[in-house]
Amino acid sequence: MRLAELSERSGVAIATIKYYLREGLLPPGRRVSATTSDYDEDHLRRLRLVRAMIQVGKVPVATVREVLRHVDDDSLGRTIRLGAALWALPQEDGPDAGAQDDADEAVVAARAEVDRLLDMLGWTTARELGELSPVHRSLVVAVATLNRLGYPWDAELMAPYGRLMHQAAVRDLDFVETHPSETEKAETAVAATILFQPVLRALHRLAQEEESARRYGLS
């Protein structure tokens, strides 16, 4: 397809597509002439992913470029490829979520509970990676914040939630595996992380509302 059709099918303005091309977020099309290139379904899929990251996920362009670098890295095995792409995404709690003060008693206690939780769940890879993972660091900071506010969350309280999240992860990867190429699998994992998190949050809140009404009524 030509640039105009790519714009029409994606709903992205031609000027924006050209900007993504200049920034390296979208691979160049197949050159047809000095002024014309052809684009295919891979470009359309990638364009939708870039748009989702920037518009929905509010991911900065430089970070999008880093995520896509991992998505396109054929030298990586599937686990490392997916992990690197997802680690590159900003954590929901913001850029400082991973900052930890080792002198802070709440952080030290939270880290111990998170590691104990991972041992209880048998999540050996997460336990071995530990603080190398931005997600691990984010969880430690979140638990530390709860502790400071007088809501102590220990491993026993978190374990049932962890088991539910593992069931969600199984479904996530079952869906990822329906895509044929390694690049599409990585793209899908990134898109699902950005686009499906609001769905999970909304379902959680709806479930809370439903359970509250069942327990306490509507009055």
N, C-alpha and C. Protein backbone atom coordinates (compact mmCIF):
# COMPACT_ATOMS: atom_id res chain seq x y z
N MET A 1 0.86 -1.19 0.00
CA MET A 1 0.00 0.00 0.00
C MET A 1 0.89 1.24 0.00
N ARG A 2 0.37 2.34 -0.52
CA ARG A 2 1.10 3.59 -0.50
C ARG A 2 0.82 4.33 0.82
N LEU A 3 1.55 5.40 1.03
CA LEU A 3 1.47 6.12 2.31
C LEU A 3 0.05 6.60 2.59
N ALA A 4 -0.64 7.07 1.58
CA ALA A 4 -2.00 7.57 1.78
C ALA A 4 -2.93 6.46 2.27
N GLU A 5 -2.78 5.25 1.71
CA GLU A 5 -3.62 4.13 2.16
C GLU A 5 -3.25 3.69 3.56
N LEU A 6 -1.95 3.69 3.86
CA LEU A 6 -1.50 3.36 5.22
C LEU A 6 -2.11 4.33 6.22
N SER A 7 -2.16 5.60 5.86
CA SER A 7 -2.76 6.61 6.73
C SER A 7 -4.25 6.37 6.89
N GLU A 8 -4.92 6.06 5.80
CA GLU A 8 -6.37 5.84 5.84
C GLU A 8 -6.72 4.62 6.68
N ARG A 9 -5.99 3.53 6.48
CA ARG A 9 -6.31 2.29 7.20
C ARG A 9 -5.96 2.37 8.68
N SER A 10 -4.93 3.13 9.01
CA SER A 10 -4.49 3.21 10.40
C SER A 10 -5.19 4.34 11.17
N GLY A 11 -5.71 5.32 10.43
CA GLY A 11 -6.29 6.48 11.09
C GLY A 11 -5.24 7.46 11.60
N VAL A 12 -4.00 7.30 11.15
CA VAL A 12 -2.90 8.16 11.57
C VAL A 12 -2.57 9.11 10.41
N ALA A 13 -2.44 10.39 10.71
CA ALA A 13 -2.18 11.39 9.68
C ALA A 13 -0.85 11.13 8.98
N ILE A 14 -0.78 11.47 7.71
CA ILE A 14 0.44 11.26 6.93
C ILE A 14 1.62 11.96 7.58
N ALA A 15 1.41 13.19 8.06
CA ALA A 15 2.51 13.93 8.69
C ALA A 15 3.03 13.19 9.92
N THR A 16 2.14 12.56 10.68
CA THR A 16 2.55 11.82 11.87
C THR A 16 3.32 10.57 11.47
N ILE A 17 2.87 9.87 10.43
CA ILE A 17 3.58 8.69 9.94
C ILE A 17 4.99 9.07 9.51
N LYS A 18 5.12 10.18 8.81
CA LYS A 18 6.44 10.63 8.38
C LYS A 18 7.33 10.94 9.58
N TYR A 19 6.73 11.49 10.62
CA TYR A 19 7.49 11.76 11.85
C TYR A 19 7.98 10.46 12.47
N TYR A 20 7.10 9.45 12.54
CA TYR A 20 7.50 8.15 13.09
C TYR A 20 8.61 7.52 12.25
N LEU A 21 8.54 7.69 10.94
CA LEU A 21 9.60 7.18 10.07
C LEU A 21 10.93 7.87 10.36
N ARG A 22 10.89 9.18 10.52
CA ARG A 22 12.12 9.93 10.80
C ARG A 22 12.71 9.53 12.15
N GLU A 23 11.84 9.25 13.12
CA GLU A 23 12.30 8.91 14.46
C GLU A 23 12.69 7.43 14.60
N GLY A 24 12.53 6.67 13.52
CA GLY A 24 12.90 5.26 13.57
C GLY A 24 11.91 4.38 14.29
N LEU A 25 10.70 4.87 14.52
CA LEU A 25 9.68 4.06 15.18
C LEU A 25 8.97 3.13 14.19
N LEU A 26 9.04 3.48 12.94
CA LEU A 26 8.42 2.70 11.87
C LEU A 26 9.50 2.42 10.83
N PRO A 27 9.67 1.15 10.43
CA PRO A 27 10.72 0.85 9.44
C PRO A 27 10.37 1.47 8.09
N PRO A 28 11.37 1.82 7.29
CA PRO A 28 11.08 2.42 5.98
C PRO A 28 10.36 1.44 5.08
N GLY A 29 9.58 1.98 4.17
CA GLY A 29 8.89 1.14 3.21
C GLY A 29 9.82 0.71 2.08
N ARG A 30 9.30 -0.13 1.20
CA ARG A 30 10.07 -0.59 0.04
C ARG A 30 10.08 0.52 -1.00
N ARG A 31 11.27 0.99 -1.34
CA ARG A 31 11.40 2.11 -2.27
C ARG A 31 10.94 1.72 -3.67
N VAL A 32 9.98 2.47 -4.20
CA VAL A 32 9.46 2.24 -5.55
C VAL A 32 10.07 3.25 -6.53
N SER A 33 10.21 4.49 -6.07
CA SER A 33 10.84 5.53 -6.88
C SER A 33 11.53 6.49 -5.93
N ALA A 34 12.05 7.56 -6.45
CA ALA A 34 12.75 8.53 -5.61
C ALA A 34 11.84 9.17 -4.58
N THR A 35 10.55 9.20 -4.87
CA THR A 35 9.61 9.89 -3.97
C THR A 35 8.50 8.98 -3.43
N THR A 36 8.53 7.71 -3.78
CA THR A 36 7.42 6.82 -3.41
C THR A 36 7.94 5.52 -2.80
N SER A 37 7.24 5.07 -1.75
CA SER A 37 7.55 3.79 -1.12
C SER A 37 6.27 3.01 -0.92
N ASP A 38 6.41 1.70 -0.87
CA ASP A 38 5.29 0.80 -0.57
C ASP A 38 5.39 0.32 0.87
N TYR A 39 4.22 0.13 1.50
CA TYR A 39 4.14 -0.35 2.88
C TYR A 39 3.22 -1.57 2.91
N ASP A 40 3.43 -2.42 3.93
CA ASP A 40 2.66 -3.66 3.99
C ASP A 40 1.95 -3.81 5.34
N GLU A 41 1.40 -5.01 5.58
CA GLU A 41 0.64 -5.24 6.80
C GLU A 41 1.53 -5.14 8.04
N ASP A 42 2.82 -5.47 7.91
CA ASP A 42 3.72 -5.33 9.05
C ASP A 42 3.83 -3.86 9.47
N HIS A 43 3.88 -2.97 8.49
CA HIS A 43 3.92 -1.54 8.81
C HIS A 43 2.63 -1.10 9.50
N LEU A 44 1.51 -1.61 9.03
CA LEU A 44 0.23 -1.24 9.62
C LEU A 44 0.16 -1.72 11.07
N ARG A 45 0.60 -2.96 11.31
CA ARG A 45 0.58 -3.50 12.67
C ARG A 45 1.51 -2.71 13.58
N ARG A 46 2.71 -2.40 13.10
CA ARG A 46 3.66 -1.64 13.91
C ARG A 46 3.16 -0.23 14.18
N LEU A 47 2.52 0.37 13.18
CA LEU A 47 1.99 1.72 13.35
C LEU A 47 0.93 1.75 14.43
N ARG A 48 0.08 0.75 14.46
CA ARG A 48 -0.96 0.68 15.50
C ARG A 48 -0.34 0.52 16.87
N LEU A 49 0.74 -0.29 16.96
CA LEU A 49 1.42 -0.47 18.24
C LEU A 49 2.04 0.84 18.71
N VAL A 50 2.73 1.53 17.81
CA VAL A 50 3.36 2.80 18.16
C VAL A 50 2.30 3.79 18.65
N ARG A 51 1.20 3.84 17.93
CA ARG A 51 0.11 4.75 18.31
C ARG A 51 -0.44 4.39 19.69
N ALA A 52 -0.58 3.10 19.98
CA ALA A 52 -1.09 2.68 21.28
C ALA A 52 -0.13 3.09 22.40
N MET A 53 1.18 2.90 22.15
CA MET A 53 2.15 3.26 23.18
C MET A 53 2.14 4.76 23.46
N ILE A 54 2.07 5.56 22.40
CA ILE A 54 2.16 7.00 22.56
C ILE A 54 0.85 7.61 23.03
N GLN A 55 -0.26 7.20 22.41
CA GLN A 55 -1.55 7.83 22.74
C GLN A 55 -2.17 7.27 24.01
N VAL A 56 -2.20 5.94 24.13
CA VAL A 56 -2.85 5.32 25.29
C VAL A 56 -1.89 5.21 26.46
N GLY A 57 -0.69 4.71 26.17
CA GLY A 57 0.27 4.49 27.24
C GLY A 57 1.03 5.73 27.65
N LYS A 58 0.93 6.82 26.86
CA LYS A 58 1.65 8.06 27.14
C LYS A 58 3.16 7.80 27.28
N VAL A 59 3.66 6.88 26.47
CA VAL A 59 5.08 6.53 26.52
C VAL A 59 5.86 7.53 25.68
N PRO A 60 6.95 8.10 26.21
CA PRO A 60 7.76 9.04 25.43
C PRO A 60 8.35 8.38 24.19
N VAL A 61 8.59 9.17 23.16
CA VAL A 61 9.10 8.65 21.90
C VAL A 61 10.42 7.91 22.10
N ALA A 62 11.32 8.47 22.92
CA ALA A 62 12.62 7.80 23.15
C ALA A 62 12.42 6.43 23.78
N THR A 63 11.45 6.30 24.67
CA THR A 63 11.18 5.00 25.31
C THR A 63 10.54 4.04 24.32
N VAL A 64 9.65 4.56 23.47
CA VAL A 64 9.06 3.72 22.42
C VAL A 64 10.16 3.13 21.55
N ARG A 65 11.13 3.95 21.20
CA ARG A 65 12.24 3.49 20.36
C ARG A 65 13.02 2.37 21.07
N GLU A 66 13.23 2.53 22.37
CA GLU A 66 13.96 1.50 23.13
C GLU A 66 13.17 0.20 23.19
N VAL A 67 11.85 0.31 23.45
CA VAL A 67 11.00 -0.89 23.50
C VAL A 67 11.06 -1.63 22.17
N LEU A 68 10.92 -0.89 21.08
CA LEU A 68 10.90 -1.51 19.76
C LEU A 68 12.26 -2.12 19.40
N ARG A 69 13.33 -1.54 19.93
CA ARG A 69 14.66 -2.12 19.69
C ARG A 69 14.72 -3.55 20.23
N HIS A 70 14.12 -3.76 21.40
CA HIS A 70 14.08 -5.11 21.98
C HIS A 70 13.11 -6.01 21.22
N VAL A 71 11.97 -5.45 20.84
CA VAL A 71 10.98 -6.22 20.08
C VAL A 71 11.59 -6.78 18.80
N ASP A 72 12.45 -6.00 18.16
CA ASP A 72 13.02 -6.39 16.87
C ASP A 72 14.35 -7.14 16.98
N ASP A 73 14.82 -7.41 18.20
CA ASP A 73 16.13 -8.03 18.39
C ASP A 73 16.03 -9.55 18.22
N ASP A 74 16.33 -10.03 17.03
CA ASP A 74 16.23 -11.46 16.75
C ASP A 74 17.29 -12.29 17.47
N SER A 75 18.29 -11.63 18.03
CA SER A 75 19.36 -12.38 18.71
C SER A 75 18.93 -12.87 20.09
N LEU A 76 17.82 -12.34 20.60
CA LEU A 76 17.36 -12.69 21.94
C LEU A 76 16.40 -13.87 21.90
N GLY A 77 16.47 -14.71 22.92
CA GLY A 77 15.47 -15.76 23.07
C GLY A 77 14.13 -15.14 23.45
N ARG A 78 13.07 -15.93 23.36
CA ARG A 78 11.74 -15.37 23.55
C ARG A 78 11.55 -14.75 24.93
N THR A 79 11.99 -15.44 25.98
CA THR A 79 11.79 -14.93 27.33
C THR A 79 12.53 -13.62 27.54
N ILE A 80 13.81 -13.57 27.12
CA ILE A 80 14.59 -12.35 27.28
C ILE A 80 14.03 -11.24 26.42
N ARG A 81 13.60 -11.59 25.23
CA ARG A 81 13.05 -10.58 24.30
C ARG A 81 11.80 -9.94 24.88
N LEU A 82 10.88 -10.77 25.36
CA LEU A 82 9.66 -10.24 25.95
C LEU A 82 9.98 -9.44 27.20
N GLY A 83 10.85 -10.00 28.05
CA GLY A 83 11.18 -9.33 29.30
C GLY A 83 11.84 -7.98 29.07
N ALA A 84 12.79 -7.93 28.13
CA ALA A 84 13.49 -6.67 27.88
C ALA A 84 12.53 -5.60 27.35
N ALA A 85 11.63 -6.01 26.46
CA ALA A 85 10.67 -5.05 25.90
C ALA A 85 9.73 -4.52 27.00
N LEU A 86 9.27 -5.41 27.88
CA LEU A 86 8.33 -4.99 28.92
C LEU A 86 9.02 -4.20 30.02
N TRP A 87 10.27 -4.57 30.33
CA TRP A 87 11.01 -3.81 31.34
C TRP A 87 11.26 -2.38 30.88
N ALA A 88 11.39 -2.19 29.56
CA ALA A 88 11.67 -0.86 29.03
C ALA A 88 10.47 0.08 29.14
N LEU A 89 9.27 -0.49 29.29
CA LEU A 89 8.08 0.34 29.46
C LEU A 89 8.12 1.05 30.81
N PRO A 90 7.61 2.28 30.89
CA PRO A 90 7.57 2.98 32.19
C PRO A 90 6.68 2.20 33.16
N GLN A 91 7.10 2.18 34.42
CA GLN A 91 6.27 1.57 35.44
C GLN A 91 5.10 2.50 35.76
N GLU A 92 3.97 1.91 36.13
CA GLU A 92 2.76 2.70 36.35
C GLU A 92 2.92 3.74 37.44
N ASP A 93 3.76 3.44 38.44
CA ASP A 93 3.91 4.35 39.56
C ASP A 93 4.82 5.52 39.25
N GLY A 94 5.35 5.59 38.01
CA GLY A 94 6.16 6.73 37.62
C GLY A 94 7.63 6.39 37.60
N PRO A 95 8.46 7.31 37.08
CA PRO A 95 9.87 7.03 36.90
C PRO A 95 10.64 6.83 38.18
N ASP A 96 10.12 7.34 39.33
CA ASP A 96 10.83 7.20 40.59
C ASP A 96 10.36 6.00 41.40
N ALA A 97 9.47 5.20 40.80
CA ALA A 97 8.91 4.08 41.56
C ALA A 97 9.97 3.09 41.97
N GLY A 98 11.04 2.98 41.17
CA GLY A 98 12.07 2.01 41.50
C GLY A 98 13.11 2.51 42.46
N ALA A 99 13.03 3.80 42.86
CA ALA A 99 14.03 4.34 43.77
C ALA A 99 13.82 3.77 45.16
N GLN A 100 14.89 3.18 45.73
CA GLN A 100 14.79 2.56 47.03
C GLN A 100 15.90 3.07 47.93
N ASP A 101 15.53 3.40 49.16
CA ASP A 101 16.48 3.86 50.15
C ASP A 101 16.79 2.70 51.09
N ASP A 102 18.00 2.16 50.99
CA ASP A 102 18.35 1.01 51.81
C ASP A 102 18.40 1.33 53.29
N ALA A 103 18.41 2.62 53.64
CA ALA A 103 18.39 2.99 55.05
C ALA A 103 16.96 3.14 55.57
N ASP A 104 16.00 3.05 54.68
CA ASP A 104 14.59 3.19 55.05
C ASP A 104 14.08 1.85 55.57
N GLU A 105 13.67 1.84 56.82
CA GLU A 105 13.21 0.58 57.43
C GLU A 105 12.00 0.01 56.71
N ALA A 106 11.11 0.90 56.23
CA ALA A 106 9.92 0.42 55.53
C ALA A 106 10.30 -0.29 54.23
N VAL A 107 11.30 0.24 53.52
CA VAL A 107 11.75 -0.37 52.27
C VAL A 107 12.42 -1.71 52.55
N VAL A 108 13.25 -1.76 53.57
CA VAL A 108 13.93 -3.01 53.93
C VAL A 108 12.91 -4.08 54.28
N ALA A 109 11.91 -3.72 55.09
CA ALA A 109 10.87 -4.68 55.48
C ALA A 109 10.05 -5.11 54.28
N ALA A 110 9.72 -4.16 53.40
CA ALA A 110 8.93 -4.49 52.22
C ALA A 110 9.70 -5.43 51.30
N ARG A 111 10.99 -5.18 51.11
CA ARG A 111 11.79 -6.04 50.24
C ARG A 111 11.81 -7.47 50.79
N ALA A 112 11.92 -7.61 52.10
CA ALA A 112 11.93 -8.93 52.71
C ALA A 112 10.60 -9.65 52.48
N GLU A 113 9.49 -8.90 52.58
CA GLU A 113 8.18 -9.52 52.38
C GLU A 113 7.96 -9.90 50.92
N VAL A 114 8.42 -9.05 50.00
CA VAL A 114 8.28 -9.37 48.59
C VAL A 114 9.09 -10.62 48.25
N ASP A 115 10.31 -10.71 48.75
CA ASP A 115 11.13 -11.90 48.48
C ASP A 115 10.53 -13.14 49.12
N ARG A 116 9.96 -12.99 50.31
CA ARG A 116 9.29 -14.13 50.95
C ARG A 116 8.07 -14.55 50.14
N LEU A 117 7.36 -13.57 49.60
CA LEU A 117 6.20 -13.87 48.75
C LEU A 117 6.63 -14.69 47.53
N LEU A 118 7.71 -14.27 46.88
CA LEU A 118 8.17 -14.99 45.68
C LEU A 118 8.58 -16.41 46.02
N ASP A 119 9.17 -16.60 47.20
CA ASP A 119 9.51 -17.95 47.65
C ASP A 119 8.24 -18.78 47.87
N MET A 120 7.23 -18.18 48.50
CA MET A 120 5.98 -18.88 48.76
C MET A 120 5.31 -19.31 47.45
N LEU A 121 5.35 -18.43 46.46
CA LEU A 121 4.69 -18.71 45.18
C LEU A 121 5.51 -19.64 44.29
N GLY A 122 6.79 -19.83 44.63
CA GLY A 122 7.65 -20.64 43.78
C GLY A 122 8.06 -19.93 42.50
N TRP A 123 8.08 -18.59 42.53
CA TRP A 123 8.46 -17.81 41.35
C TRP A 123 9.98 -17.65 41.36
N THR A 124 10.67 -18.70 40.96
CA THR A 124 12.12 -18.75 41.12
C THR A 124 12.83 -17.72 40.23
N THR A 125 12.35 -17.52 39.02
CA THR A 125 13.00 -16.55 38.13
C THR A 125 12.88 -15.14 38.69
N ALA A 126 11.69 -14.77 39.14
CA ALA A 126 11.50 -13.45 39.73
C ALA A 126 12.36 -13.28 40.98
N ARG A 127 12.50 -14.36 41.73
CA ARG A 127 13.32 -14.30 42.96
C ARG A 127 14.79 -14.12 42.59
N GLU A 128 15.26 -14.82 41.58
CA GLU A 128 16.66 -14.72 41.18
C GLU A 128 16.98 -13.35 40.59
N LEU A 129 16.07 -12.81 39.80
CA LEU A 129 16.30 -11.49 39.21
C LEU A 129 16.24 -10.39 40.26
N GLY A 130 15.31 -10.54 41.19
CA GLY A 130 15.20 -9.59 42.29
C GLY A 130 15.19 -8.15 41.84
N GLU A 131 16.08 -7.35 42.43
CA GLU A 131 16.07 -5.91 42.19
C GLU A 131 16.59 -5.51 40.82
N LEU A 132 17.07 -6.47 40.04
CA LEU A 132 17.38 -6.16 38.64
C LEU A 132 16.12 -5.81 37.87
N SER A 133 15.00 -6.33 38.34
CA SER A 133 13.72 -6.11 37.67
C SER A 133 13.08 -4.82 38.15
N PRO A 134 12.72 -3.92 37.23
CA PRO A 134 12.01 -2.70 37.64
C PRO A 134 10.65 -3.01 38.25
N VAL A 135 10.06 -4.12 37.86
CA VAL A 135 8.76 -4.49 38.42
C VAL A 135 8.91 -4.90 39.89
N HIS A 136 9.96 -5.64 40.19
CA HIS A 136 10.26 -6.02 41.57
C HIS A 136 10.46 -4.76 42.41
N ARG A 137 11.25 -3.83 41.90
CA ARG A 137 11.52 -2.60 42.64
C ARG A 137 10.24 -1.81 42.86
N SER A 138 9.39 -1.77 41.84
CA SER A 138 8.12 -1.05 41.96
C SER A 138 7.23 -1.67 43.02
N LEU A 139 7.20 -2.99 43.07
CA LEU A 139 6.38 -3.68 44.07
C LEU A 139 6.91 -3.39 45.47
N VAL A 140 8.22 -3.41 45.64
CA VAL A 140 8.81 -3.11 46.95
C VAL A 140 8.41 -1.71 47.40
N VAL A 141 8.50 -0.72 46.51
CA VAL A 141 8.15 0.65 46.87
C VAL A 141 6.66 0.75 47.22
N ALA A 142 5.81 0.04 46.47
CA ALA A 142 4.37 0.08 46.75
C ALA A 142 4.06 -0.52 48.12
N VAL A 143 4.69 -1.65 48.43
CA VAL A 143 4.46 -2.30 49.73
C VAL A 143 5.00 -1.43 50.85
N ALA A 144 6.16 -0.81 50.63
CA ALA A 144 6.73 0.09 51.64
C ALA A 144 5.80 1.26 51.91
N THR A 145 5.19 1.81 50.86
CA THR A 145 4.27 2.93 51.02
C THR A 145 3.04 2.52 51.81
N LEU A 146 2.51 1.34 51.51
CA LEU A 146 1.37 0.83 52.29
C LEU A 146 1.74 0.67 53.76
N ASN A 147 2.93 0.15 54.02
CA ASN A 147 3.36 -0.04 55.40
C ASN A 147 3.45 1.29 56.15
N ARG A 148 3.99 2.31 55.48
CA ARG A 148 4.13 3.61 56.13
C ARG A 148 2.76 4.22 56.46
N LEU A 149 1.77 3.92 55.63
CA LEU A 149 0.43 4.47 55.82
C LEU A 149 -0.41 3.66 56.80
N GLY A 150 0.19 2.62 57.36
CA GLY A 150 -0.52 1.82 58.36
C GLY A 150 -1.34 0.69 57.78
N TYR A 151 -1.01 0.28 56.54
CA TYR A 151 -1.68 -0.86 55.92
C TYR A 151 -0.64 -1.93 55.61
N PRO A 152 -0.21 -2.67 56.60
CA PRO A 152 0.88 -3.63 56.39
C PRO A 152 0.44 -4.79 55.50
N TRP A 153 1.14 -4.94 54.39
CA TRP A 153 0.85 -6.03 53.47
C TRP A 153 2.02 -7.00 53.50
N ASP A 154 1.78 -8.16 54.10
CA ASP A 154 2.85 -9.14 54.18
C ASP A 154 2.66 -10.21 53.10
N ALA A 155 3.58 -11.16 53.07
CA ALA A 155 3.56 -12.19 52.02
C ALA A 155 2.27 -12.99 52.04
N GLU A 156 1.76 -13.30 53.24
CA GLU A 156 0.53 -14.09 53.33
C GLU A 156 -0.66 -13.35 52.71
N LEU A 157 -0.72 -12.04 52.91
CA LEU A 157 -1.82 -11.27 52.33
C LEU A 157 -1.70 -11.16 50.82
N MET A 158 -0.47 -11.06 50.34
CA MET A 158 -0.26 -10.88 48.90
C MET A 158 -0.35 -12.17 48.10
N ALA A 159 -0.09 -13.30 48.74
CA ALA A 159 0.00 -14.58 48.01
C ALA A 159 -1.26 -14.91 47.20
N PRO A 160 -2.48 -14.77 47.76
CA PRO A 160 -3.66 -15.09 46.94
C PRO A 160 -3.76 -14.21 45.69
N TYR A 161 -3.38 -12.95 45.82
CA TYR A 161 -3.39 -12.06 44.66
C TYR A 161 -2.34 -12.50 43.64
N GLY A 162 -1.19 -12.93 44.15
CA GLY A 162 -0.15 -13.42 43.25
C GLY A 162 -0.60 -14.63 42.45
N ARG A 163 -1.34 -15.53 43.11
CA ARG A 163 -1.82 -16.73 42.41
C ARG A 163 -2.85 -16.35 41.34
N LEU A 164 -3.71 -15.38 41.66
CA LEU A 164 -4.68 -14.92 40.66
C LEU A 164 -3.95 -14.28 39.47
N MET A 165 -2.90 -13.50 39.75
CA MET A 165 -2.15 -12.85 38.68
C MET A 165 -1.42 -13.87 37.81
N HIS A 166 -1.01 -14.98 38.42
CA HIS A 166 -0.37 -16.02 37.62
C HIS A 166 -1.36 -16.63 36.64
N GLN A 167 -2.60 -16.81 37.08
CA GLN A 167 -3.63 -17.31 36.15
C GLN A 167 -3.83 -16.32 34.99
N ALA A 168 -3.80 -15.03 35.31
CA ALA A 168 -3.94 -14.02 34.25
C ALA A 168 -2.75 -14.08 33.30
N ALA A 169 -1.55 -14.30 33.86
CA ALA A 169 -0.34 -14.38 33.02
C ALA A 169 -0.40 -15.58 32.08
N VAL A 170 -0.94 -16.69 32.55
CA VAL A 170 -1.10 -17.87 31.69
C VAL A 170 -1.99 -17.53 30.50
N ARG A 171 -3.08 -16.84 30.75
CA ARG A 171 -3.97 -16.45 29.65
C ARG A 171 -3.29 -15.46 28.72
N ASP A 172 -2.52 -14.53 29.31
CA ASP A 172 -1.80 -13.57 28.48
C ASP A 172 -0.89 -14.27 27.47
N LEU A 173 -0.08 -15.21 27.97
CA LEU A 173 0.89 -15.86 27.10
C LEU A 173 0.23 -16.87 26.16
N ASP A 174 -0.89 -17.44 26.58
CA ASP A 174 -1.66 -18.28 25.64
C ASP A 174 -2.07 -17.44 24.42
N PHE A 175 -2.47 -16.19 24.67
CA PHE A 175 -2.87 -15.30 23.58
C PHE A 175 -1.66 -14.90 22.74
N VAL A 176 -0.55 -14.57 23.39
CA VAL A 176 0.67 -14.21 22.67
C VAL A 176 1.09 -15.32 21.72
N GLU A 177 0.96 -16.56 22.16
CA GLU A 177 1.42 -17.69 21.36
C GLU A 177 0.54 -17.97 20.14
N THR A 178 -0.60 -17.29 20.03
CA THR A 178 -1.43 -17.47 18.83
C THR A 178 -0.87 -16.72 17.64
N HIS A 179 0.14 -15.88 17.84
CA HIS A 179 0.72 -15.10 16.76
C HIS A 179 1.93 -15.83 16.19
N PRO A 180 2.11 -15.77 14.86
CA PRO A 180 3.08 -16.66 14.21
C PRO A 180 4.55 -16.32 14.42
N SER A 181 4.94 -15.06 14.30
CA SER A 181 6.36 -14.74 14.33
C SER A 181 6.78 -14.26 15.72
N GLU A 182 8.09 -14.33 15.99
CA GLU A 182 8.60 -13.88 17.27
C GLU A 182 8.38 -12.38 17.44
N THR A 183 8.52 -11.63 16.36
CA THR A 183 8.30 -10.18 16.43
C THR A 183 6.85 -9.88 16.78
N GLU A 184 5.91 -10.58 16.15
CA GLU A 184 4.49 -10.36 16.46
C GLU A 184 4.18 -10.74 17.89
N LYS A 185 4.80 -11.80 18.39
CA LYS A 185 4.59 -12.20 19.78
C LYS A 185 5.04 -11.08 20.72
N ALA A 186 6.23 -10.52 20.45
CA ALA A 186 6.74 -9.45 21.30
C ALA A 186 5.87 -8.21 21.19
N GLU A 187 5.45 -7.88 19.97
CA GLU A 187 4.56 -6.72 19.78
C GLU A 187 3.26 -6.90 20.55
N THR A 188 2.71 -8.10 20.48
CA THR A 188 1.44 -8.38 21.15
C THR A 188 1.58 -8.27 22.66
N ALA A 189 2.70 -8.75 23.20
CA ALA A 189 2.92 -8.65 24.64
C ALA A 189 2.99 -7.20 25.09
N VAL A 190 3.66 -6.37 24.31
CA VAL A 190 3.75 -4.95 24.63
C VAL A 190 2.38 -4.29 24.54
N ALA A 191 1.66 -4.56 23.45
CA ALA A 191 0.34 -3.95 23.26
C ALA A 191 -0.62 -4.38 24.37
N ALA A 192 -0.57 -5.67 24.73
CA ALA A 192 -1.47 -6.16 25.78
C ALA A 192 -1.16 -5.51 27.12
N THR A 193 0.13 -5.31 27.41
CA THR A 193 0.51 -4.68 28.66
C THR A 193 -0.07 -3.27 28.75
N ILE A 194 -0.03 -2.54 27.65
CA ILE A 194 -0.51 -1.16 27.64
C ILE A 194 -2.03 -1.10 27.58
N LEU A 195 -2.62 -1.89 26.70
CA LEU A 195 -4.05 -1.75 26.42
C LEU A 195 -4.93 -2.54 27.38
N PHE A 196 -4.40 -3.65 27.93
CA PHE A 196 -5.27 -4.49 28.75
C PHE A 196 -5.22 -4.14 30.22
N GLN A 197 -4.18 -3.39 30.66
CA GLN A 197 -4.14 -3.00 32.07
C GLN A 197 -5.38 -2.21 32.50
N PRO A 198 -5.86 -1.25 31.69
CA PRO A 198 -7.10 -0.56 32.08
C PRO A 198 -8.30 -1.51 32.18
N VAL A 199 -8.32 -2.54 31.33
CA VAL A 199 -9.41 -3.52 31.40
C VAL A 199 -9.36 -4.27 32.73
N LEU A 200 -8.16 -4.71 33.12
CA LEU A 200 -8.01 -5.45 34.38
C LEU A 200 -8.40 -4.58 35.57
N ARG A 201 -7.96 -3.31 35.56
CA ARG A 201 -8.32 -2.41 36.67
C ARG A 201 -9.83 -2.22 36.74
N ALA A 202 -10.46 -2.04 35.56
CA ALA A 202 -11.90 -1.84 35.55
C ALA A 202 -12.64 -3.09 36.03
N LEU A 203 -12.19 -4.26 35.59
CA LEU A 203 -12.82 -5.50 36.04
C LEU A 203 -12.67 -5.68 37.55
N HIS A 204 -11.51 -5.34 38.07
CA HIS A 204 -11.28 -5.45 39.51
C HIS A 204 -12.26 -4.57 40.27
N ARG A 205 -12.42 -3.34 39.81
CA ARG A 205 -13.33 -2.42 40.51
C ARG A 205 -14.78 -2.84 40.38
N LEU A 206 -15.15 -3.35 39.21
CA LEU A 206 -16.52 -3.86 39.05
C LEU A 206 -16.77 -5.06 39.96
N ALA A 207 -15.76 -5.91 40.08
CA ALA A 207 -15.90 -7.07 40.96
C ALA A 207 -16.05 -6.63 42.42
N GLN A 208 -15.32 -5.59 42.81
CA GLN A 208 -15.46 -5.07 44.16
C GLN A 208 -16.86 -4.52 44.39
N GLU A 209 -17.37 -3.79 43.41
CA GLU A 209 -18.73 -3.24 43.53
C GLU A 209 -19.75 -4.36 43.65
N GLU A 210 -19.59 -5.40 42.82
CA GLU A 210 -20.53 -6.51 42.84
C GLU A 210 -20.50 -7.25 44.18
N GLU A 211 -19.29 -7.52 44.66
CA GLU A 211 -19.16 -8.24 45.93
C GLU A 211 -19.67 -7.40 47.08
N SER A 212 -19.46 -6.09 47.04
CA SER A 212 -19.98 -5.22 48.08
C SER A 212 -21.50 -5.26 48.12
N ALA A 213 -22.12 -5.20 46.94
CA ALA A 213 -23.58 -5.25 46.88
C ALA A 213 -24.12 -6.59 47.38
N ARG A 214 -23.44 -7.67 47.06
CA ARG A 214 -23.89 -8.99 47.52
C ARG A 214 -23.79 -9.12 49.04
N ARG A 215 -22.72 -8.57 49.59
CA ARG A 215 -22.50 -8.70 51.04
C ARG A 215 -23.36 -7.73 51.84
N TYR A 216 -23.44 -6.50 51.36
CA TYR A 216 -24.01 -5.46 52.21
C TYR A 216 -25.31 -4.87 51.65
N GLY A 217 -25.72 -5.31 50.46
CA GLY A 217 -26.92 -4.75 49.86
C GLY A 217 -26.67 -3.40 49.23
N LEU A 218 -27.71 -2.82 48.66
CA LEU A 218 -27.58 -1.57 47.92
C LEU A 218 -28.04 -0.36 48.72
N SER A 219 -28.48 -0.59 49.93
CA SER A 219 -28.98 0.55 50.73
C SER A 219 -27.83 1.28 51.40
